[in-house]
Amino acid sequence: KRPGRSFEKVYRSYGNDVSRLVDVVRQQIVFKTVRHVLDCLSTIASDPQAVICRVKNRLAIDYDAQKSAGYRDVLLDVSIVSEYTQQLGTDRHVCEVQLVLEQFQLLKTADGHHRYVEYRNKRAE
């Protein structure tokens, strides 16, 4: 996440509480099928060193797609907790992992992202 967006999110969404900003580092994994998304989620969840702090399932049937301007994915906030990360002091660092279906990834364009940013700004998010 770029610094400007980080400051926006802390101010608009988190009431200036910077400790709530956890998606500074993120990675996207693209899948061909929902089954592949589920397999990946299961693999991450079964790893004893991967601590899933939050799941935002925007693929769920009951998810209100208006909240994301129609975009769908599964977002995981994950920490890696091991003896090594504890020694480094990074065991509380949270990364966002985006699990995305290829069909949605192919729809992404620079123009589409620009429209999403405008939408998000109008919602003051």
Foldseek 3Di string as FASTA:
>chain_A
DDPVVLVLCCVQPVVVPSVPDAAPAEEEDEDADVVVVVVVVVVLVPDPQKDWPDKDFQVDPPRDCVVQPNQGWIKTWIFGDDPVCVVVVRRPRTHIYTYHYPVRVVVDDPVVVVVRVVVCVVVSD
